């Protein structure tokens, strides 16, 4: 217990819960707290920080929302807050909220997605091995079997995040996942619109074929060809599935927001 106690110091200034968050963050950055470490009980933390239990509780809730801690309810040795590294990045929820609050045009998100897709395509073409290519091929088979637009969208997301992980860059999957989550609603609505119009099966078959061709550029280990293919994929999809006008504007637009850019045709 002594090493954990020494990781913190009594809070001396301003809002107590904010200082607690900073101290926990510093302890993680300095390696004094690691994934899987359990924090002392709430009452003990209040004594260590020299604050009220309410301040400790508020700080723990914020850290849980950020995905830094996971809380185990109940009593005994298995309860309390544990330093975690959740699979779903909190960036996703934050970016979705900011996209709505700031009424960001979807084309700005698409520009970011294109840049990320091109980066991962180049690096995956350089680094991906046979197992990575085979794994992408298995995901394509799952895309082929997907029956509903929602199921297809989930598998499509898995494909692009798997490719991002194959790039060897540990940061890109987090950012790309957040960007895709921010535009997931528009993608699903577009898919469901195609289903209502009787065009979903044809679009799904085309996307399955296109993703198989994307994997071929990775397997060929041609970084520039792979980057061009993924850039075309992003533009062509949104030009084909969403009309230019619908893709270029947010659901609601503030008067001060800058004009949205049109999706460039493939």
C-alpha atoms as a PDB file:
ATOM      1  CA  UNK A   1       0.000   0.000   0.000  1.00  0.00           C
ATOM      2  CA  UNK A   2       2.916   2.351   0.710  1.00  0.00           C
ATOM      3  CA  UNK A   3       3.991   2.757  -2.978  1.00  0.00           C
ATOM      4  CA  UNK A   4       0.446   3.706  -3.920  1.00  0.00           C
ATOM      5  CA  UNK A   5       0.163   6.195  -1.071  1.00  0.00           C
ATOM      6  CA  UNK A   6       3.379   7.891  -2.147  1.00  0.00           C
ATOM      7  CA  UNK A   7       2.023   8.398  -5.668  1.00  0.00           C
ATOM      8  CA  UNK A   8      -0.213  11.214  -4.405  1.00  0.00           C
ATOM      9  CA  UNK A   9       0.013  14.329  -2.245  1.00  0.00           C
ATOM     10  CA  UNK A  10      -2.627  16.374  -0.398  1.00  0.00           C
ATOM     11  CA  UNK A  11      -4.561  18.765  -2.639  1.00  0.00           C
ATOM     12  CA  UNK A  12      -3.700  22.367  -1.819  1.00  0.00           C
ATOM     13  CA  UNK A  13      -5.407  24.604  -4.346  1.00  0.00           C
ATOM     14  CA  UNK A  14      -8.534  25.382  -6.363  1.00  0.00           C
ATOM     15  CA  UNK A  15     -11.103  22.758  -7.313  1.00  0.00           C
ATOM     16  CA  UNK A  16     -10.177  19.579  -5.520  1.00  0.00           C
ATOM     17  CA  UNK A  17     -11.479  17.088  -8.070  1.00  0.00           C
ATOM     18  CA  UNK A  18      -9.458  18.720 -10.877  1.00  0.00           C
ATOM     19  CA  UNK A  19      -6.255  18.441  -8.870  1.00  0.00           C
ATOM     20  CA  UNK A  20      -6.989  14.792  -8.141  1.00  0.00           C
ATOM     21  CA  UNK A  21      -7.359  14.145 -11.878  1.00  0.00           C
ATOM     22  CA  UNK A  22      -4.035  15.877 -12.570  1.00  0.00           C
ATOM     23  CA  UNK A  23      -2.279  13.812  -9.913  1.00  0.00           C
ATOM     24  CA  UNK A  24      -3.655  10.546 -11.274  1.00  0.00           C
ATOM     25  CA  UNK A  25      -2.613  11.612 -14.790  1.00  0.00           C
ATOM     26  CA  UNK A  26       0.906  12.455 -13.616  1.00  0.00           C
ATOM     27  CA  UNK A  27       1.197   9.142 -11.771  1.00  0.00           C
ATOM     28  CA  UNK A  28       0.313   7.316 -15.010  1.00  0.00           C
ATOM     29  CA  UNK A  29       2.679   9.403 -17.139  1.00  0.00           C
ATOM     30  CA  UNK A  30       5.535   8.819 -14.703  1.00  0.00           C
ATOM     31  CA  UNK A  31       4.902   5.082 -14.529  1.00  0.00           C
ATOM     32  CA  UNK A  32       3.819   5.008 -10.889  1.00  0.00           C
ATOM     33  CA  UNK A  33       0.396   3.738 -11.963  1.00  0.00           C
ATOM     34  CA  UNK A  34      -0.037   1.135 -14.701  1.00  0.00           C
ATOM     35  CA  UNK A  35      -2.891  -0.692 -16.384  1.00  0.00           C
ATOM     36  CA  UNK A  36      -4.371  -3.145 -13.905  1.00  0.00           C
ATOM     37  CA  UNK A  37      -3.329  -1.239 -10.781  1.00  0.00           C
ATOM     38  CA  UNK A  38      -6.108  -0.771  -8.252  1.00  0.00           C
ATOM     39  CA  UNK A  39      -6.584   2.574  -6.523  1.00  0.00           C
ATOM     40  CA  UNK A  40      -7.070   2.686  -2.760  1.00  0.00           C
ATOM     41  CA  UNK A  41     -10.687   2.770  -1.499  1.00  0.00           C
ATOM     42  CA  UNK A  42     -12.592   6.030  -1.761  1.00  0.00           C
ATOM     43  CA  UNK A  43     -12.352   6.773   1.957  1.00  0.00           C
ATOM     44  CA  UNK A  44      -8.587   6.223   1.929  1.00  0.00           C
ATOM     45  CA  UNK A  45      -8.158   8.404  -1.166  1.00  0.00           C
ATOM     46  CA  UNK A  46     -10.026  11.211   0.591  1.00  0.00           C
ATOM     47  CA  UNK A  47      -7.538  10.998   3.458  1.00  0.00           C
ATOM     48  CA  UNK A  48      -4.506  10.870   1.117  1.00  0.00           C
ATOM     49  CA  UNK A  49      -5.663  13.882  -0.895  1.00  0.00           C
ATOM     50  CA  UNK A  50      -7.007  15.652   2.211  1.00  0.00           C
ATOM     51  CA  UNK A  51     -10.343  16.359   0.519  1.00  0.00           C
ATOM     52  CA  UNK A  52     -13.950  15.278   0.911  1.00  0.00           C
ATOM     53  CA  UNK A  53     -15.173  11.944  -0.390  1.00  0.00           C
ATOM     54  CA  UNK A  54     -17.490  13.895  -2.714  1.00  0.00           C
ATOM     55  CA  UNK A  55     -14.450  15.428  -4.443  1.00  0.00           C
ATOM     56  CA  UNK A  56     -12.845  12.015  -4.815  1.00  0.00           C
ATOM     57  CA  UNK A  57     -16.078  10.577  -6.196  1.00  0.00           C
ATOM     58  CA  UNK A  58     -16.380  13.375  -8.772  1.00  0.00           C
ATOM     59  CA  UNK A  59     -12.780  12.899  -9.944  1.00  0.00           C
ATOM     60  CA  UNK A  60     -13.252   9.138 -10.279  1.00  0.00           C
ATOM     61  CA  UNK A  61     -16.412   9.639 -12.354  1.00  0.00           C
ATOM     62  CA  UNK A  62     -14.560  11.941 -14.768  1.00  0.00           C
ATOM     63  CA  UNK A  63     -11.657   9.501 -15.101  1.00  0.00           C
ATOM     64  CA  UNK A  64     -14.125   6.666 -15.745  1.00  0.00           C
ATOM     65  CA  UNK A  65     -15.801   8.745 -18.474  1.00  0.00           C
ATOM     66  CA  UNK A  66     -12.398   9.295 -20.080  1.00  0.00           C
ATOM     67  CA  UNK A  67     -11.725   5.564 -20.014  1.00  0.00           C
ATOM     68  CA  UNK A  68      -8.750   5.952 -17.670  1.00  0.00           C
ATOM     69  CA  UNK A  69     -10.410   4.016 -14.850  1.00  0.00           C
ATOM     70  CA  UNK A  70     -12.960   1.252 -14.738  1.00  0.00           C
ATOM     71  CA  UNK A  71     -15.097   0.880 -11.621  1.00  0.00           C
ATOM     72  CA  UNK A  72     -15.994  -2.454 -10.100  1.00  0.00           C
ATOM     73  CA  UNK A  73     -19.081  -2.124  -7.942  1.00  0.00           C
ATOM     74  CA  UNK A  74     -19.672  -3.937  -4.690  1.00  0.00           C
ATOM     75  CA  UNK A  75     -17.569  -4.512  -1.610  1.00  0.00           C
ATOM     76  CA  UNK A  76     -14.437  -6.414  -0.790  1.00  0.00           C
ATOM     77  CA  UNK A  77     -11.135  -6.957  -2.555  1.00  0.00           C
ATOM     78  CA  UNK A  78     -12.642  -7.010  -6.056  1.00  0.00           C
ATOM     79  CA  UNK A  79     -14.360  -3.621  -5.786  1.00  0.00           C
ATOM     80  CA  UNK A  80     -12.904  -0.185  -6.433  1.00  0.00           C
ATOM     81  CA  UNK A  81     -11.351   1.678  -9.373  1.00  0.00           C
ATOM     82  CA  UNK A  82      -8.783   0.030 -11.632  1.00  0.00           C
ATOM     83  CA  UNK A  83      -6.496   1.724 -14.143  1.00  0.00           C
ATOM     84  CA  UNK A  84      -7.732   0.536 -17.515  1.00  0.00           C
ATOM     85  CA  UNK A  85      -7.166   0.855 -21.240  1.00  0.00           C
ATOM     86  CA  UNK A  86     -10.581   0.420 -22.794  1.00  0.00           C
ATOM     87  CA  UNK A  87     -10.843  -0.946 -26.312  1.00  0.00           C
ATOM     88  CA  UNK A  88     -13.220   1.824 -27.350  1.00  0.00           C
ATOM     89  CA  UNK A  89     -11.411   5.127 -27.298  1.00  0.00           C
ATOM     90  CA  UNK A  90     -13.179   7.979 -25.478  1.00  0.00           C
ATOM     91  CA  UNK A  91     -12.147  10.059 -28.511  1.00  0.00           C
ATOM     92  CA  UNK A  92     -15.114   8.565 -30.345  1.00  0.00           C
ATOM     93  CA  UNK A  93     -17.726   9.950 -27.993  1.00  0.00           C
ATOM     94  CA  UNK A  94     -15.998  13.313 -27.720  1.00  0.00           C
ATOM     95  CA  UNK A  95     -15.676  13.743 -31.483  1.00  0.00           C
ATOM     96  CA  UNK A  96     -19.325  12.798 -32.025  1.00  0.00           C
ATOM     97  CA  UNK A  97     -20.397  15.402 -29.476  1.00  0.00           C
ATOM     98  CA  UNK A  98     -18.175  18.145 -30.883  1.00  0.00           C
ATOM     99  CA  UNK A  99     -19.272  17.344 -34.422  1.00  0.00           C
ATOM    100  CA  UNK A 100     -22.874  17.929 -33.365  1.00  0.00           C
ATOM    101  CA  UNK A 101     -22.273  20.888 -31.059  1.00  0.00           C
ATOM    102  CA  UNK A 102     -20.058  22.762 -33.519  1.00  0.00           C
ATOM    103  CA  UNK A 103     -22.120  21.620 -36.521  1.00  0.00           C
ATOM    104  CA  UNK A 104     -19.027  20.509 -38.401  1.00  0.00           C
ATOM    105  CA  UNK A 105     -19.534  19.679 -42.097  1.00  0.00           C
ATOM    106  CA  UNK A 106     -19.107  16.024 -42.859  1.00  0.00           C
ATOM    107  CA  UNK A 107     -16.671  16.825 -45.657  1.00  0.00           C
ATOM    108  CA  UNK A 108     -14.146  18.069 -43.095  1.00  0.00           C
ATOM    109  CA  UNK A 109     -14.323  14.661 -41.432  1.00  0.00           C
ATOM    110  CA  UNK A 110     -13.975  12.993 -44.818  1.00  0.00           C
ATOM    111  CA  UNK A 111     -10.796  14.948 -45.539  1.00  0.00           C
ATOM    112  CA  UNK A 112      -9.322  13.690 -42.276  1.00  0.00           C
ATOM    113  CA  UNK A 113     -10.484  10.158 -42.975  1.00  0.00           C
ATOM    114  CA  UNK A 114      -8.929  10.218 -46.445  1.00  0.00           C
ATOM    115  CA  UNK A 115      -5.571  11.335 -45.056  1.00  0.00           C
ATOM    116  CA  UNK A 116      -5.641   8.620 -42.408  1.00  0.00           C
ATOM    117  CA  UNK A 117      -6.708   5.926 -44.883  1.00  0.00           C
ATOM    118  CA  UNK A 118      -3.889   6.875 -47.256  1.00  0.00           C
ATOM    119  CA  UNK A 119      -1.359   6.801 -44.417  1.00  0.00           C
ATOM    120  CA  UNK A 120      -2.455   3.374 -43.202  1.00  0.00           C
ATOM    121  CA  UNK A 121      -2.623   2.023 -46.747  1.00  0.00           C
ATOM    122  CA  UNK A 122       0.958   3.065 -47.460  1.00  0.00           C
ATOM    123  CA  UNK A 123       2.296   1.635 -44.225  1.00  0.00           C
ATOM    124  CA  UNK A 124       0.242  -1.547 -44.419  1.00  0.00           C
ATOM    125  CA  UNK A 125       1.487  -2.139 -47.976  1.00  0.00           C
ATOM    126  CA  UNK A 126       5.028  -1.893 -46.627  1.00  0.00           C
ATOM    127  CA  UNK A 127       4.575  -3.915 -43.446  1.00  0.00           C
ATOM    128  CA  UNK A 128       1.587  -6.271 -43.723  1.00  0.00           C
ATOM    129  CA  UNK A 129       2.446  -9.947 -43.798  1.00  0.00           C
ATOM    130  CA  UNK A 130       0.496 -12.954 -45.143  1.00  0.00           C
ATOM    131  CA  UNK A 131      -1.448 -13.289 -41.878  1.00  0.00           C
ATOM    132  CA  UNK A 132      -2.611  -9.667 -42.106  1.00  0.00           C
ATOM    133  CA  UNK A 133      -3.745 -10.101 -45.700  1.00  0.00           C
ATOM    134  CA  UNK A 134      -5.533 -13.338 -44.826  1.00  0.00           C
ATOM    135  CA  UNK A 135      -7.282 -11.625 -41.918  1.00  0.00           C
ATOM    136  CA  UNK A 136      -8.539  -8.852 -44.181  1.00  0.00           C
ATOM    137  CA  UNK A 137      -9.781 -11.494 -46.604  1.00  0.00           C
ATOM    138  CA  UNK A 138     -11.776 -13.162 -43.827  1.00  0.00           C
ATOM    139  CA  UNK A 139     -13.396  -9.834 -42.966  1.00  0.00           C
ATOM    140  CA  UNK A 140     -14.412  -9.428 -46.605  1.00  0.00           C
ATOM    141  CA  UNK A 141     -16.146 -12.811 -46.418  1.00  0.00           C
ATOM    142  CA  UNK A 142     -18.037 -11.502 -43.385  1.00  0.00           C
ATOM    143  CA  UNK A 143     -19.013  -8.440 -45.417  1.00  0.00           C
ATOM    144  CA  UNK A 144     -20.353 -10.744 -48.107  1.00  0.00           C
ATOM    145  CA  UNK A 145     -22.500 -12.580 -45.537  1.00  0.00           C
ATOM    146  CA  UNK A 146     -23.797  -9.428 -43.816  1.00  0.00           C
ATOM    147  CA  UNK A 147     -27.557  -9.259 -44.230  1.00  0.00           C
ATOM    148  CA  UNK A 148     -28.498  -5.859 -42.862  1.00  0.00           C
ATOM    149  CA  UNK A 149     -26.979  -2.417 -43.461  1.00  0.00           C
ATOM    150  CA  UNK A 150     -26.117  -2.136 -39.753  1.00  0.00           C
ATOM    151  CA  UNK A 151     -24.300  -5.476 -39.789  1.00  0.00           C
ATOM    152  CA  UNK A 152     -22.429  -4.532 -42.954  1.00  0.00           C
ATOM    153  CA  UNK A 153     -21.385  -1.175 -41.493  1.00  0.00           C
ATOM    154  CA  UNK A 154     -19.978  -2.887 -38.387  1.00  0.00           C
ATOM    155  CA  UNK A 155     -17.916  -5.290 -40.514  1.00  0.00           C
ATOM    156  CA  UNK A 156     -16.787  -2.467 -42.804  1.00  0.00           C
ATOM    157  CA  UNK A 157     -15.523  -0.573 -39.753  1.00  0.00           C
ATOM    158  CA  UNK A 158     -13.697  -3.697 -38.602  1.00  0.00           C
ATOM    159  CA  UNK A 159     -12.006  -3.930 -42.017  1.00  0.00           C
ATOM    160  CA  UNK A 160     -10.635  -0.390 -41.934  1.00  0.00           C
ATOM    161  CA  UNK A 161      -9.531  -0.574 -38.290  1.00  0.00           C
ATOM    162  CA  UNK A 162      -7.831  -3.918 -38.925  1.00  0.00           C
ATOM    163  CA  UNK A 163      -5.970  -2.338 -41.821  1.00  0.00           C
ATOM    164  CA  UNK A 164      -4.992   0.586 -39.574  1.00  0.00           C
ATOM    165  CA  UNK A 165      -3.575  -1.835 -37.016  1.00  0.00           C
ATOM    166  CA  UNK A 166      -1.691  -3.666 -39.772  1.00  0.00           C
ATOM    167  CA  UNK A 167       0.049  -0.372 -40.567  1.00  0.00           C
ATOM    168  CA  UNK A 168       1.980  -0.711 -37.324  1.00  0.00           C
ATOM    169  CA  UNK A 169       0.991   2.788 -36.178  1.00  0.00           C
ATOM    170  CA  UNK A 170      -0.610   2.531 -32.733  1.00  0.00           C
ATOM    171  CA  UNK A 171      -2.189   6.001 -32.801  1.00  0.00           C
ATOM    172  CA  UNK A 172      -3.979   5.920 -36.154  1.00  0.00           C
ATOM    173  CA  UNK A 173      -6.556   3.231 -35.199  1.00  0.00           C
ATOM    174  CA  UNK A 174      -7.718   5.400 -32.292  1.00  0.00           C
ATOM    175  CA  UNK A 175      -8.162   8.510 -34.440  1.00  0.00           C
ATOM    176  CA  UNK A 176      -9.609   6.664 -37.438  1.00  0.00           C
ATOM    177  CA  UNK A 177     -12.078   4.855 -35.188  1.00  0.00           C
ATOM    178  CA  UNK A 178     -13.229   8.168 -33.735  1.00  0.00           C
ATOM    179  CA  UNK A 179     -13.642   9.731 -37.187  1.00  0.00           C
ATOM    180  CA  UNK A 180     -15.626   6.764 -38.483  1.00  0.00           C
ATOM    181  CA  UNK A 181     -17.856   6.816 -35.388  1.00  0.00           C
ATOM    182  CA  UNK A 182     -18.532  10.503 -35.981  1.00  0.00           C
ATOM    183  CA  UNK A 183     -19.901   9.792 -39.480  1.00  0.00           C
ATOM    184  CA  UNK A 184     -21.449   6.384 -38.736  1.00  0.00           C
ATOM    185  CA  UNK A 185     -24.980   7.731 -38.453  1.00  0.00           C
ATOM    186  CA  UNK A 186     -24.868   9.320 -41.906  1.00  0.00           C
ATOM    187  CA  UNK A 187     -23.398   6.141 -43.382  1.00  0.00           C
ATOM    188  CA  UNK A 188     -26.096   3.948 -41.837  1.00  0.00           C
ATOM    189  CA  UNK A 189     -28.862   6.295 -42.962  1.00  0.00           C
ATOM    190  CA  UNK A 190     -27.455   6.187 -46.503  1.00  0.00           C
ATOM    191  CA  UNK A 191     -27.331   2.379 -46.471  1.00  0.00           C
ATOM    192  CA  UNK A 192     -30.876   2.153 -45.151  1.00  0.00           C
ATOM    193  CA  UNK A 193     -32.016   4.597 -47.837  1.00  0.00           C
ATOM    194  CA  UNK A 194     -30.508   2.324 -50.493  1.00  0.00           C
ATOM    195  CA  UNK A 195     -32.302  -0.636 -48.928  1.00  0.00           C
ATOM    196  CA  UNK A 196     -35.637   1.178 -49.072  1.00  0.00           C
ATOM    197  CA  UNK A 197     -34.966   2.047 -52.725  1.00  0.00           C
ATOM    198  CA  UNK A 198     -34.134  -1.574 -53.550  1.00  0.00           C
ATOM    199  CA  UNK A 199     -30.499  -0.760 -54.358  1.00  0.00           C
ATOM    200  CA  UNK A 200     -28.791  -2.125 -51.245  1.00  0.00           C
ATOM    201  CA  UNK A 201     -27.889  -5.597 -52.540  1.00  0.00           C
ATOM    202  CA  UNK A 202     -26.178  -4.153 -55.615  1.00  0.00           C
ATOM    203  CA  UNK A 203     -24.258  -1.598 -53.529  1.00  0.00           C
ATOM    204  CA  UNK A 204     -23.195  -4.252 -51.038  1.00  0.00           C
ATOM    205  CA  UNK A 205     -21.915  -6.518 -53.831  1.00  0.00           C
ATOM    206  CA  UNK A 206     -19.978  -3.612 -55.335  1.00  0.00           C
ATOM    207  CA  UNK A 207     -18.423  -2.685 -51.978  1.00  0.00           C
ATOM    208  CA  UNK A 208     -17.391  -6.287 -51.322  1.00  0.00           C
ATOM    209  CA  UNK A 209     -15.677  -6.415 -54.710  1.00  0.00           C
ATOM    210  CA  UNK A 210     -14.009  -3.037 -54.150  1.00  0.00           C
ATOM    211  CA  UNK A 211     -12.673  -4.035 -50.730  1.00  0.00           C
ATOM    212  CA  UNK A 212     -11.205  -7.202 -52.237  1.00  0.00           C
ATOM    213  CA  UNK A 213      -9.392  -5.018 -54.778  1.00  0.00           C
ATOM    214  CA  UNK A 214      -8.112  -2.810 -51.954  1.00  0.00           C
ATOM    215  CA  UNK A 215      -6.632  -5.853 -50.248  1.00  0.00           C
ATOM    216  CA  UNK A 216      -4.887  -6.764 -53.498  1.00  0.00           C
ATOM    217  CA  UNK A 217      -3.023  -3.436 -53.426  1.00  0.00           C
ATOM    218  CA  UNK A 218      -1.854  -4.230 -49.884  1.00  0.00           C
ATOM    219  CA  UNK A 219      -0.793  -7.756 -50.856  1.00  0.00           C
ATOM    220  CA  UNK A 220       1.146  -6.345 -53.838  1.00  0.00           C
ATOM    221  CA  UNK A 221       3.258  -4.232 -51.427  1.00  0.00           C
ATOM    222  CA  UNK A 222       2.875  -1.124 -53.574  1.00  0.00           C
ATOM    223  CA  UNK A 223       2.450   1.760 -51.082  1.00  0.00           C
ATOM    224  CA  UNK A 224       1.570   4.474 -53.593  1.00  0.00           C
ATOM    225  CA  UNK A 225      -0.910   2.299 -55.486  1.00  0.00           C
ATOM    226  CA  UNK A 226      -2.535   1.359 -52.181  1.00  0.00           C
ATOM    227  CA  UNK A 227      -2.783   5.005 -51.088  1.00  0.00           C
ATOM    228  CA  UNK A 228      -4.373   6.007 -54.408  1.00  0.00           C
ATOM    229  CA  UNK A 229      -6.836   3.126 -54.219  1.00  0.00           C
ATOM    230  CA  UNK A 230      -7.992   4.028 -50.724  1.00  0.00           C
ATOM    231  CA  UNK A 231      -8.257   7.714 -51.603  1.00  0.00           C
ATOM    232  CA  UNK A 232     -10.461   6.832 -54.566  1.00  0.00           C
ATOM    233  CA  UNK A 233     -12.511   4.497 -52.368  1.00  0.00           C
ATOM    234  CA  UNK A 234     -13.342   7.248 -49.892  1.00  0.00           C
ATOM    235  CA  UNK A 235     -14.290   9.811 -52.551  1.00  0.00           C
ATOM    236  CA  UNK A 236     -16.182   7.421 -54.776  1.00  0.00           C
ATOM    237  CA  UNK A 237     -18.227   5.992 -51.920  1.00  0.00           C
ATOM    238  CA  UNK A 238     -19.449   9.330 -50.638  1.00  0.00           C
ATOM    239  CA  UNK A 239     -20.020  10.705 -54.116  1.00  0.00           C
ATOM    240  CA  UNK A 240     -21.976   7.612 -55.116  1.00  0.00           C
ATOM    241  CA  UNK A 241     -23.930   6.900 -51.933  1.00  0.00           C
ATOM    242  CA  UNK A 242     -24.491  10.442 -50.671  1.00  0.00           C
ATOM    243  CA  UNK A 243     -25.448  13.225 -53.029  1.00  0.00           C
ATOM    244  CA  UNK A 244     -22.960  16.094 -53.182  1.00  0.00           C
ATOM    245  CA  UNK A 245     -25.381  18.465 -51.463  1.00  0.00           C
ATOM    246  CA  UNK A 246     -26.216  16.083 -48.651  1.00  0.00           C
ATOM    247  CA  UNK A 247     -22.595  15.132 -48.030  1.00  0.00           C
ATOM    248  CA  UNK A 248     -21.421  18.716 -47.966  1.00  0.00           C
ATOM    249  CA  UNK A 249     -23.736  20.077 -45.306  1.00  0.00           C
ATOM    250  CA  UNK A 250     -24.170  19.223 -41.615  1.00  0.00           C
ATOM    251  CA  UNK A 251     -27.563  18.418 -40.164  1.00  0.00           C
ATOM    252  CA  UNK A 252     -27.746  21.943 -38.749  1.00  0.00           C
ATOM    253  CA  UNK A 253     -25.545  24.835 -39.698  1.00  0.00           C
ATOM    254  CA  UNK A 254     -24.557  27.901 -37.668  1.00  0.00           C
ATOM    255  CA  UNK A 255     -24.316  31.268 -39.388  1.00  0.00           C
ATOM    256  CA  UNK A 256     -20.685  31.632 -38.336  1.00  0.00           C
ATOM    257  CA  UNK A 257     -19.535  28.264 -39.677  1.00  0.00           C
ATOM    258  CA  UNK A 258     -17.363  28.365 -42.740  1.00  0.00           C
ATOM    259  CA  UNK A 259     -18.800  27.119 -46.068  1.00  0.00           C
ATOM    260  CA  UNK A 260     -18.731  23.368 -46.517  1.00  0.00           C
ATOM    261  CA  UNK A 261     -16.624  21.912 -49.278  1.00  0.00           C
ATOM    262  CA  UNK A 262     -18.119  19.670 -51.921  1.00  0.00           C
ATOM    263  CA  UNK A 263     -17.054  16.047 -52.072  1.00  0.00           C
ATOM    264  CA  UNK A 264     -14.612  15.771 -54.935  1.00  0.00           C
ATOM    265  CA  UNK A 265     -15.825  13.280 -57.543  1.00  0.00           C
ATOM    266  CA  UNK A 266     -13.732  10.194 -58.135  1.00  0.00           C
END
